[in-house]
Structures are given as C-alpha cells and as structure tokens.
C-alpha cells in the first residue's frame, strides 16, 4: 500500500468516525434532546387535536364529514331497508 492510498484511507476513516452533533448533545446533556423530542410530540398532538383529527366518530369505515351527504343517507336507507326485508322475510306484515 502506497502513501497516497494510505492517506486516502485515513481521510476516509476520519470522515466515517467524525462526531455527530446529535450524539455529542446526547452525551453532554441527555435531557435537552429528550425534552426537545417531547416538546415536538406535544406540538404534533396539539396540531392534530386542533385540526380535528382526534375527534371521536361513529363507528364505520367512512369519515364523519360524509355522514350527512345525501348519497350516503340514501345508501344507508337502502341498506337498512334490505336488512329489514331480510329479517322479516316470510313474516306476515300485519303481524309485525
């Protein structure tokens, strides 16, 4: 191995083993990056709560916004009518 190749290899090793700012920060004061992560988590929680992403909704596979859409209401009535017909099939209508 020549001097030039050795110097290139050593330069590469110095680059690969260089200190990272985040790891130095964790070693010097571990509370700062952990508190920053918790602050970021709380900020994201507040943003998602403010945007209404964590609103409880009625069960189902659709968003809350489309519950009052006329097409959705018609589909719900159609589905309920089919369920009622299936449940009462063969039963005298006057006896129900």
PDB file of N, CA and C in Angstrom:
ATOM      1  N   UNK A   1       0.854  -1.168   0.000  1.00  0.00           N
ATOM      2  CA  UNK A   1       0.000   0.000   0.000  1.00  0.00           C
ATOM      3  C   UNK A   1       0.902   1.234   0.000  1.00  0.00           C
ATOM      4  N   UNK A   2       0.634   2.086  -0.947  1.00  0.00           N
ATOM      5  CA  UNK A   2       1.439   3.294  -1.078  1.00  0.00           C
ATOM      6  C   UNK A   2       0.998   4.381  -0.118  1.00  0.00           C
ATOM      7  N   UNK A   3       1.801   5.427  -0.012  1.00  0.00           N
ATOM      8  CA  UNK A   3       1.474   6.540   0.872  1.00  0.00           C
ATOM      9  C   UNK A   3       0.184   7.245   0.459  1.00  0.00           C
ATOM     10  N   UNK A   4      -0.034   7.364  -0.848  1.00  0.00           N
ATOM     11  CA  UNK A   4      -1.231   8.032  -1.334  1.00  0.00           C
ATOM     12  C   UNK A   4      -2.485   7.249  -0.951  1.00  0.00           C
ATOM     13  N   UNK A   5      -2.447   5.937  -1.136  1.00  0.00           N
ATOM     14  CA  UNK A   5      -3.597   5.101  -0.780  1.00  0.00           C
ATOM     15  C   UNK A   5      -3.826   5.121   0.734  1.00  0.00           C
ATOM     16  N   UNK A   6      -2.745   5.099   1.484  1.00  0.00           N
ATOM     17  CA  UNK A   6      -2.848   5.135   2.942  1.00  0.00           C
ATOM     18  C   UNK A   6      -3.493   6.440   3.401  1.00  0.00           C
ATOM     19  N   UNK A   7      -3.064   7.560   2.816  1.00  0.00           N
ATOM     20  CA  UNK A   7      -3.633   8.866   3.182  1.00  0.00           C
ATOM     21  C   UNK A   7      -5.114   8.948   2.817  1.00  0.00           C
ATOM     22  N   UNK A   8      -5.480   8.392   1.663  1.00  0.00           N
ATOM     23  CA  UNK A   8      -6.891   8.379   1.261  1.00  0.00           C
ATOM     24  C   UNK A   8      -7.709   7.550   2.244  1.00  0.00           C
ATOM     25  N   UNK A   9      -7.165   6.389   2.630  1.00  0.00           N
ATOM     26  CA  UNK A   9      -7.862   5.522   3.571  1.00  0.00           C
ATOM     27  C   UNK A   9      -8.012   6.203   4.936  1.00  0.00           C
ATOM     28  N   UNK A  10      -6.975   6.871   5.398  1.00  0.00           N
ATOM     29  CA  UNK A  10      -7.040   7.559   6.689  1.00  0.00           C
ATOM     30  C   UNK A  10      -8.026   8.728   6.654  1.00  0.00           C
ATOM     31  N   UNK A  11      -8.049   9.455   5.546  1.00  0.00           N
ATOM     32  CA  UNK A  11      -9.028  10.548   5.409  1.00  0.00           C
ATOM     33  C   UNK A  11     -10.452  10.001   5.441  1.00  0.00           C
ATOM     34  N   UNK A  12     -10.666   8.876   4.766  1.00  0.00           N
ATOM     35  CA  UNK A  12     -11.985   8.254   4.761  1.00  0.00           C
ATOM     36  C   UNK A  12     -12.373   7.793   6.168  1.00  0.00           C
ATOM     37  N   UNK A  13     -11.431   7.217   6.892  1.00  0.00           N
ATOM     38  CA  UNK A  13     -11.703   6.779   8.262  1.00  0.00           C
ATOM     39  C   UNK A  13     -12.019   7.960   9.171  1.00  0.00           C
ATOM     40  N   UNK A  14     -11.356   9.089   8.983  1.00  0.00           N
ATOM     41  CA  UNK A  14     -11.650  10.284   9.776  1.00  0.00           C
ATOM     42  C   UNK A  14     -13.052  10.794   9.496  1.00  0.00           C
ATOM     43  N   UNK A  15     -13.458  10.741   8.231  1.00  0.00           N
ATOM     44  CA  UNK A  15     -14.812  11.166   7.882  1.00  0.00           C
ATOM     45  C   UNK A  15     -15.862  10.240   8.490  1.00  0.00           C
ATOM     46  N   UNK A  16     -15.601   8.942   8.471  1.00  0.00           N
ATOM     47  CA  UNK A  16     -16.567   7.980   8.984  1.00  0.00           C
ATOM     48  C   UNK A  16     -16.670   7.992  10.499  1.00  0.00           C
ATOM     49  N   UNK A  17     -15.618   8.390  11.189  1.00  0.00           N
ATOM     50  CA  UNK A  17     -15.636   8.397  12.652  1.00  0.00           C
ATOM     51  C   UNK A  17     -15.802   9.790  13.231  1.00  0.00           C
ATOM     52  N   UNK A  18     -16.184  10.750  12.411  1.00  0.00           N
ATOM     53  CA  UNK A  18     -16.360  12.114  12.896  1.00  0.00           C
ATOM     54  C   UNK A  18     -17.544  12.162  13.862  1.00  0.00           C
ATOM     55  N   UNK A  19     -17.439  13.022  14.850  1.00  0.00           N
ATOM     56  CA  UNK A  19     -18.514  13.180  15.830  1.00  0.00           C
ATOM     57  C   UNK A  19     -19.724  13.820  15.170  1.00  0.00           C
ATOM     58  N   UNK A  20     -20.880  13.334  15.557  1.00  0.00           N
ATOM     59  CA  UNK A  20     -22.128  13.934  15.109  1.00  0.00           C
ATOM     60  C   UNK A  20     -22.632  14.870  16.198  1.00  0.00           C
ATOM     61  N   UNK A  21     -23.268  15.945  15.801  1.00  0.00           N
ATOM     62  CA  UNK A  21     -23.737  16.925  16.771  1.00  0.00           C
ATOM     63  C   UNK A  21     -24.795  16.335  17.701  1.00  0.00           C
ATOM     64  N   UNK A  22     -25.672  15.503  17.145  1.00  0.00           N
ATOM     65  CA  UNK A  22     -26.746  14.945  17.971  1.00  0.00           C
ATOM     66  C   UNK A  22     -26.198  13.973  19.011  1.00  0.00           C
ATOM     67  N   UNK A  23     -25.206  13.171  18.623  1.00  0.00           N
ATOM     68  CA  UNK A  23     -24.644  12.237  19.605  1.00  0.00           C
ATOM     69  C   UNK A  23     -23.841  12.975  20.664  1.00  0.00           C
ATOM     70  N   UNK A  24     -23.138  14.021  20.276  1.00  0.00           N
ATOM     71  CA  UNK A  24     -22.437  14.826  21.267  1.00  0.00           C
ATOM     72  C   UNK A  24     -23.413  15.485  22.231  1.00  0.00           C
ATOM     73  N   UNK A  25     -24.555  15.923  21.723  1.00  0.00           N
ATOM     74  CA  UNK A  25     -25.561  16.551  22.569  1.00  0.00           C
ATOM     75  C   UNK A  25     -26.150  15.543  23.555  1.00  0.00           C
ATOM     76  N   UNK A  26     -26.386  14.311  23.096  1.00  0.00           N
ATOM     77  CA  UNK A  26     -26.889  13.272  23.996  1.00  0.00           C
ATOM     78  C   UNK A  26     -25.876  12.952  25.092  1.00  0.00           C
ATOM     79  N   UNK A  27     -24.607  12.949  24.746  1.00  0.00           N
ATOM     80  CA  UNK A  27     -23.578  12.638  25.740  1.00  0.00           C
ATOM     81  C   UNK A  27     -23.401  13.799  26.710  1.00  0.00           C
ATOM     82  N   UNK A  28     -23.356  15.020  26.193  1.00  0.00           N
ATOM     83  CA  UNK A  28     -23.108  16.187  27.043  1.00  0.00           C
ATOM     84  C   UNK A  28     -24.277  16.489  27.968  1.00  0.00           C
ATOM     85  N   UNK A  29     -25.478  16.501  27.430  1.00  0.00           N
ATOM     86  CA  UNK A  29     -26.664  16.795  28.254  1.00  0.00           C
ATOM     87  C   UNK A  29     -27.854  16.010  27.674  1.00  0.00           C
ATOM     88  N   UNK A  30     -28.098  14.824  28.179  1.00  0.00           N
ATOM     89  CA  UNK A  30     -29.151  13.974  27.611  1.00  0.00           C
ATOM     90  C   UNK A  30     -30.557  14.523  27.799  1.00  0.00           C
ATOM     91  N   UNK A  31     -30.742  15.417  28.734  1.00  0.00           N
ATOM     92  CA  UNK A  31     -32.078  15.944  28.981  1.00  0.00           C
ATOM     93  C   UNK A  31     -32.559  16.848  27.837  1.00  0.00           C
ATOM     94  N   UNK A  32     -31.658  17.613  27.251  1.00  0.00           N
ATOM     95  CA  UNK A  32     -32.050  18.559  26.201  1.00  0.00           C
ATOM     96  C   UNK A  32     -32.669  17.874  24.983  1.00  0.00           C
ATOM     97  N   UNK A  33     -32.035  16.872  24.361  1.00  0.00           N
ATOM     98  CA  UNK A  33     -32.678  16.271  23.190  1.00  0.00           C
ATOM     99  C   UNK A  33     -33.947  15.492  23.535  1.00  0.00           C
ATOM    100  N   UNK A  34     -33.978  14.886  24.722  1.00  0.00           N
ATOM    101  CA  UNK A  34     -35.193  14.158  25.095  1.00  0.00           C
ATOM    102  C   UNK A  34     -36.347  15.124  25.349  1.00  0.00           C
ATOM    103  N   UNK A  35     -36.078  16.232  26.006  1.00  0.00           N
ATOM    104  CA  UNK A  35     -37.123  17.242  26.232  1.00  0.00           C
ATOM    105  C   UNK A  35     -37.572  17.858  24.909  1.00  0.00           C
ATOM    106  N   UNK A  36     -36.627  18.064  23.996  1.00  0.00           N
ATOM    107  CA  UNK A  36     -36.990  18.598  22.677  1.00  0.00           C
ATOM    108  C   UNK A  36     -37.905  17.623  21.936  1.00  0.00           C
ATOM    109  N   UNK A  37     -37.634  16.327  22.064  1.00  0.00           N
ATOM    110  CA  UNK A  37     -38.500  15.329  21.418  1.00  0.00           C
ATOM    111  C   UNK A  37     -39.898  15.331  22.028  1.00  0.00           C
ATOM    112  N   UNK A  38     -39.976  15.439  23.354  1.00  0.00           N
ATOM    113  CA  UNK A  38     -41.285  15.502  23.996  1.00  0.00           C
ATOM    114  C   UNK A  38     -42.033  16.772  23.611  1.00  0.00           C
ATOM    115  N   UNK A  39     -41.327  17.890  23.512  1.00  0.00           N
ATOM    116  CA  UNK A  39     -41.970  19.141  23.072  1.00  0.00           C
ATOM    117  C   UNK A  39     -42.504  18.992  21.648  1.00  0.00           C
ATOM    118  N   UNK A  40     -41.728  18.340  20.778  1.00  0.00           N
ATOM    119  CA  UNK A  40     -42.172  18.102  19.404  1.00  0.00           C
ATOM    120  C   UNK A  40     -43.411  17.200  19.402  1.00  0.00           C
ATOM    121  N   UNK A  41     -43.431  16.202  20.249  1.00  0.00           N
ATOM    122  CA  UNK A  41     -44.578  15.305  20.349  1.00  0.00           C
ATOM    123  C   UNK A  41     -45.820  16.053  20.819  1.00  0.00           C
ATOM    124  N   UNK A  42     -45.661  16.904  21.819  1.00  0.00           N
ATOM    125  CA  UNK A  42     -46.795  17.680  22.325  1.00  0.00           C
ATOM    126  C   UNK A  42     -47.273  18.668  21.264  1.00  0.00           C
ATOM    127  N   UNK A  43     -46.354  19.276  20.534  1.00  0.00           N
ATOM    128  CA  UNK A  43     -46.736  20.189  19.461  1.00  0.00           C
ATOM    129  C   UNK A  43     -47.543  19.459  18.383  1.00  0.00           C
ATOM    130  N   UNK A  44     -47.081  18.285  17.983  1.00  0.00           N
ATOM    131  CA  UNK A  44     -47.826  17.499  16.978  1.00  0.00           C
ATOM    132  C   UNK A  44     -49.187  17.087  17.510  1.00  0.00           C
ATOM    133  N   UNK A  45     -49.265  16.750  18.797  1.00  0.00           N
ATOM    134  CA  UNK A  45     -50.535  16.391  19.417  1.00  0.00           C
ATOM    135  C   UNK A  45     -51.501  17.571  19.401  1.00  0.00           C
ATOM    136  N   UNK A  46     -50.998  18.764  19.709  1.00  0.00           N
ATOM    137  CA  UNK A  46     -51.847  19.947  19.702  1.00  0.00           C
ATOM    138  C   UNK A  46     -52.311  20.288  18.290  1.00  0.00           C
ATOM    139  N   UNK A  47     -51.441  20.149  17.314  1.00  0.00           N
ATOM    140  CA  UNK A  47     -51.825  20.429  15.928  1.00  0.00           C
ATOM    141  C   UNK A  47     -52.895  19.456  15.464  1.00  0.00           C
ATOM    142  N   UNK A  48     -52.706  18.166  15.750  1.00  0.00           N
ATOM    143  CA  UNK A  48     -53.693  17.178  15.305  1.00  0.00           C
ATOM    144  C   UNK A  48     -55.004  17.343  16.063  1.00  0.00           C
ATOM    145  N   UNK A  49     -54.937  17.722  17.333  1.00  0.00           N
ATOM    146  CA  UNK A  49     -56.163  17.974  18.088  1.00  0.00           C
ATOM    147  C   UNK A  49     -56.882  19.209  17.589  1.00  0.00           C
ATOM    148  N   UNK A  50     -56.130  20.252  17.263  1.00  0.00           N
ATOM    149  CA  UNK A  50     -56.734  21.477  16.744  1.00  0.00           C
ATOM    150  C   UNK A  50     -57.330  21.302  15.360  1.00  0.00           C
ATOM    151  N   UNK A  51     -56.740  20.411  14.584  1.00  0.00           N
ATOM    152  CA  UNK A  51     -57.250  20.166  13.241  1.00  0.00           C
ATOM    153  C   UNK A  51     -58.429  19.208  13.246  1.00  0.00           C
ATOM    154  N   UNK A  52     -58.715  18.605  14.397  1.00  0.00           N
ATOM    155  CA  UNK A  52     -59.869  17.722  14.497  1.00  0.00           C
ATOM    156  C   UNK A  52     -59.599  16.296  14.057  1.00  0.00           C
ATOM    157  N   UNK A  53     -58.332  15.905  14.012  1.00  0.00           N
ATOM    158  CA  UNK A  53     -58.011  14.543  13.598  1.00  0.00           C
ATOM    159  C   UNK A  53     -58.333  13.522  14.682  1.00  0.00           C
ATOM    160  N   UNK A  54     -58.472  13.972  15.921  1.00  0.00           N
ATOM    161  CA  UNK A  54     -58.716  13.034  17.009  1.00  0.00           C
ATOM    162  C   UNK A  54     -60.148  13.113  17.507  1.00  0.00           C
ATOM    163  N   UNK A  55     -61.050  13.612  16.693  1.00  0.00           N
ATOM    164  CA  UNK A  55     -62.455  13.684  17.049  1.00  0.00           C
ATOM    165  C   UNK A  55     -63.044  12.278  17.086  1.00  0.00           C
ATOM    166  N   UNK A  56     -63.800  11.954  18.118  1.00  0.00           N
ATOM    167  CA  UNK A  56     -64.453  10.646  18.104  1.00  0.00           C
ATOM    168  C   UNK A  56     -65.522  10.631  17.021  1.00  0.00           C
ATOM    169  N   UNK A  57     -65.655   9.521  16.390  1.00  0.00           N
ATOM    170  CA  UNK A  57     -66.643   9.425  15.320  1.00  0.00           C
ATOM    171  C   UNK A  57     -67.492   8.192  15.534  1.00  0.00           C
ATOM    172  N   UNK A  58     -68.590   8.169  14.847  1.00  0.00           N
ATOM    173  CA  UNK A  58     -69.432   6.992  14.890  1.00  0.00           C
ATOM    174  C   UNK A  58     -68.703   5.854  14.209  1.00  0.00           C
ATOM    175  N   UNK A  59     -69.014   4.647  14.586  1.00  0.00           N
ATOM    176  CA  UNK A  59     -68.329   3.504  14.014  1.00  0.00           C
ATOM    177  C   UNK A  59     -68.571   3.380  12.530  1.00  0.00           C
ATOM    178  N   UNK A  60     -67.684   2.782  11.861  1.00  0.00           N
ATOM    179  CA  UNK A  60     -67.859   2.588  10.432  1.00  0.00           C
ATOM    180  C   UNK A  60     -66.584   2.843   9.674  1.00  0.00           C
ATOM    181  N   UNK A  61     -66.676   2.664   8.387  1.00  0.00           N
ATOM    182  CA  UNK A  61     -65.488   2.807   7.552  1.00  0.00           C
ATOM    183  C   UNK A  61     -65.539   4.077   6.718  1.00  0.00           C
ATOM    184  N   UNK A  62     -66.156   5.112   7.226  1.00  0.00           N
ATOM    185  CA  UNK A  62     -66.230   6.370   6.478  1.00  0.00           C
ATOM    186  C   UNK A  62     -65.952   7.540   7.407  1.00  0.00           C
ATOM    187  N   UNK A  63     -65.587   8.640   6.820  1.00  0.00           N
ATOM    188  CA  UNK A  63     -65.294   9.834   7.599  1.00  0.00           C
ATOM    189  C   UNK A  63     -66.571  10.454   8.130  1.00  0.00           C
ATOM    190  N   UNK A  64     -66.435  11.222   9.193  1.00  0.00           N
ATOM    191  CA  UNK A  64     -67.586  11.874   9.804  1.00  0.00           C
ATOM    192  C   UNK A  64     -68.233  12.885   8.853  1.00  0.00           C
ATOM    193  N   UNK A  65     -67.425  13.508   8.011  1.00  0.00           N
ATOM    194  CA  UNK A  65     -67.928  14.572   7.131  1.00  0.00           C
ATOM    195  C   UNK A  65     -68.955  14.091   6.126  1.00  0.00           C
ATOM    196  N   UNK A  66     -68.934  12.813   5.767  1.00  0.00           N
ATOM    197  CA  UNK A  66     -69.856  12.370   4.727  1.00  0.00           C
ATOM    198  C   UNK A  66     -71.114  11.715   5.277  1.00  0.00           C
ATOM    199  N   UNK A  67     -71.299  11.746   6.594  1.00  0.00           N
ATOM    200  CA  UNK A  67     -72.495  11.136   7.157  1.00  0.00           C
ATOM    201  C   UNK A  67     -73.760  11.855   6.711  1.00  0.00           C
ATOM    202  N   UNK A  68     -73.679  13.133   6.478  1.00  0.00           N
ATOM    203  CA  UNK A  68     -74.866  13.906   6.109  1.00  0.00           C
ATOM    204  C   UNK A  68     -74.961  14.157   4.611  1.00  0.00           C
ATOM    205  N   UNK A  69     -74.135  13.510   3.838  1.00  0.00           N
ATOM    206  CA  UNK A  69     -74.200  13.629   2.390  1.00  0.00           C
ATOM    207  C   UNK A  69     -75.459  12.910   1.899  1.00  0.00           C
ATOM    208  N   UNK A  70     -76.229  13.525   0.992  1.00  0.00           N
ATOM    209  CA  UNK A  70     -77.475  12.890   0.523  1.00  0.00           C
ATOM    210  C   UNK A  70     -77.266  11.502  -0.086  1.00  0.00           C
ATOM    211  N   UNK A  71     -76.185  11.315  -0.794  1.00  0.00           N
ATOM    212  CA  UNK A  71     -75.913   9.994  -1.378  1.00  0.00           C
ATOM    213  C   UNK A  71     -75.695   8.967  -0.272  1.00  0.00           C
ATOM    214  N   UNK A  72     -74.978   9.370   0.769  1.00  0.00           N
ATOM    215  CA  UNK A  72     -74.727   8.456   1.883  1.00  0.00           C
ATOM    216  C   UNK A  72     -76.015   8.158   2.642  1.00  0.00           C
ATOM    217  N   UNK A  73     -76.854   9.152   2.824  1.00  0.00           N
ATOM    218  CA  UNK A  73     -78.129   8.934   3.509  1.00  0.00           C
ATOM    219  C   UNK A  73     -78.996   7.973   2.704  1.00  0.00           C
ATOM    220  N   UNK A  74     -79.047   8.153   1.387  1.00  0.00           N
ATOM    221  CA  UNK A  74     -79.821   7.238   0.549  1.00  0.00           C
ATOM    222  C   UNK A  74     -79.280   5.819   0.636  1.00  0.00           C
ATOM    223  N   UNK A  75     -77.952   5.677   0.642  1.00  0.00           N
ATOM    224  CA  UNK A  75     -77.355   4.347   0.733  1.00  0.00           C
ATOM    225  C   UNK A  75     -77.661   3.706   2.096  1.00  0.00           C
ATOM    226  N   UNK A  76     -77.629   4.512   3.158  1.00  0.00           N
ATOM    227  CA  UNK A  76     -77.952   3.987   4.487  1.00  0.00           C
ATOM    228  C   UNK A  76     -79.400   3.511   4.554  1.00  0.00           C
ATOM    229  N   UNK A  77     -80.320   4.305   3.987  1.00  0.00           N
ATOM    230  CA  UNK A  77     -81.721   3.892   3.981  1.00  0.00           C
ATOM    231  C   UNK A  77     -81.917   2.624   3.153  1.00  0.00           C
ATOM    232  N   UNK A  78     -81.216   2.522   2.040  1.00  0.00           N
ATOM    233  CA  UNK A  78     -81.297   1.331   1.196  1.00  0.00           C
ATOM    234  C   UNK A  78     -80.780   0.098   1.952  1.00  0.00           C
ATOM    235  N   UNK A  79     -79.650   0.273   2.635  1.00  0.00           N
ATOM    236  CA  UNK A  79     -79.069  -0.840   3.390  1.00  0.00           C
ATOM    237  C   UNK A  79     -79.987  -1.265   4.531  1.00  0.00           C
ATOM    238  N   UNK A  80     -80.540  -0.298   5.254  1.00  0.00           N
ATOM    239  CA  UNK A  80     -81.458  -0.627   6.346  1.00  0.00           C
ATOM    240  C   UNK A  80     -82.717  -1.294   5.833  1.00  0.00           C
ATOM    241  N   UNK A  81     -83.224  -0.848   4.689  1.00  0.00           N
ATOM    242  CA  UNK A  81     -84.415  -1.477   4.106  1.00  0.00           C
ATOM    243  C   UNK A  81     -84.115  -2.921   3.717  1.00  0.00           C
ATOM    244  N   UNK A  82     -82.958  -3.153   3.118  1.00  0.00           N
ATOM    245  CA  UNK A  82     -82.589  -4.530   2.761  1.00  0.00           C
ATOM    246  C   UNK A  82     -82.445  -5.409   4.005  1.00  0.00           C
ATOM    247  N   UNK A  83     -81.853  -4.871   5.063  1.00  0.00           N
ATOM    248  CA  UNK A  83     -81.726  -5.643   6.299  1.00  0.00           C
ATOM    249  C   UNK A  83     -83.092  -5.947   6.886  1.00  0.00           C
ATOM    250  N   UNK A  84     -83.990  -4.986   6.847  1.00  0.00           N
ATOM    251  CA  UNK A  84     -85.337  -5.195   7.373  1.00  0.00           C
ATOM    252  C   UNK A  84     -86.093  -6.232   6.548  1.00  0.00           C
ATOM    253  N   UNK A  85     -85.953  -6.148   5.232  1.00  0.00           N
ATOM    254  CA  UNK A  85     -86.622  -7.131   4.360  1.00  0.00           C
ATOM    255  C   UNK A  85     -86.069  -8.522   4.614  1.00  0.00           C
ATOM    256  N   UNK A  86     -84.758  -8.601   4.765  1.00  0.00           N
ATOM    257  CA  UNK A  86     -84.123  -9.922   5.022  1.00  0.00           C
ATOM    258  C   UNK A  86     -84.570 -10.462   6.374  1.00  0.00           C
ATOM    259  N   UNK A  87     -84.673  -9.603   7.381  1.00  0.00           N
ATOM    260  CA  UNK A  87     -85.056 -10.041   8.724  1.00  0.00           C
ATOM    261  C   UNK A  87     -86.523 -10.453   8.787  1.00  0.00           C
ATOM    262  N   UNK A  88     -87.373  -9.809   8.011  1.00  0.00           N
ATOM    263  CA  UNK A  88     -88.807 -10.089   8.084  1.00  0.00           C
ATOM    264  C   UNK A  88     -89.305 -10.916   6.917  1.00  0.00           C
ATOM    265  N   UNK A  89     -88.429 -11.516   6.191  1.00  0.00           N
ATOM    266  CA  UNK A  89     -88.841 -12.303   5.029  1.00  0.00           C
ATOM    267  C   UNK A  89     -89.685 -13.499   5.494  1.00  0.00           C
ATOM    268  N   UNK A  90     -90.807 -13.649   4.878  1.00  0.00           N
ATOM    269  CA  UNK A  90     -91.695 -14.754   5.229  1.00  0.00           C
ATOM    270  C   UNK A  90     -92.601 -14.474   6.394  1.00  0.00           C
ATOM    271  N   UNK A  91     -92.509 -13.280   6.971  1.00  0.00           N
ATOM    272  CA  UNK A  91     -93.360 -12.919   8.110  1.00  0.00           C
ATOM    273  C   UNK A  91     -94.493 -12.050   7.578  1.00  0.00           C
ATOM    274  N   UNK A  92     -95.675 -12.317   8.076  1.00  0.00           N
ATOM    275  CA  UNK A  92     -96.835 -11.512   7.682  1.00  0.00           C
ATOM    276  C   UNK A  92     -96.642 -10.068   8.128  1.00  0.00           C
ATOM    277  N   UNK A  93     -96.842  -9.137   7.230  1.00  0.00           N
ATOM    278  CA  UNK A  93     -96.576  -7.727   7.517  1.00  0.00           C
ATOM    279  C   UNK A  93     -97.501  -7.230   8.616  1.00  0.00           C
ATOM    280  N   UNK A  94     -98.725  -7.691   8.654  1.00  0.00           N
ATOM    281  CA  UNK A  94     -99.680  -7.212   9.660  1.00  0.00           C
ATOM    282  C   UNK A  94     -99.340  -7.714  11.058  1.00  0.00           C
ATOM    283  N   UNK A  95     -98.614  -8.819  11.133  1.00  0.00           N
ATOM    284  CA  UNK A  95     -98.279  -9.355  12.461  1.00  0.00           C
ATOM    285  C   UNK A  95     -97.040  -8.691  13.053  1.00  0.00           C
ATOM    286  N   UNK A  96     -96.343  -7.903  12.283  1.00  0.00           N
ATOM    287  CA  UNK A  96     -95.116  -7.272  12.791  1.00  0.00           C
ATOM    288  C   UNK A  96     -95.401  -6.000  13.501  1.00  0.00           C
TER     289      UNK A  96
END
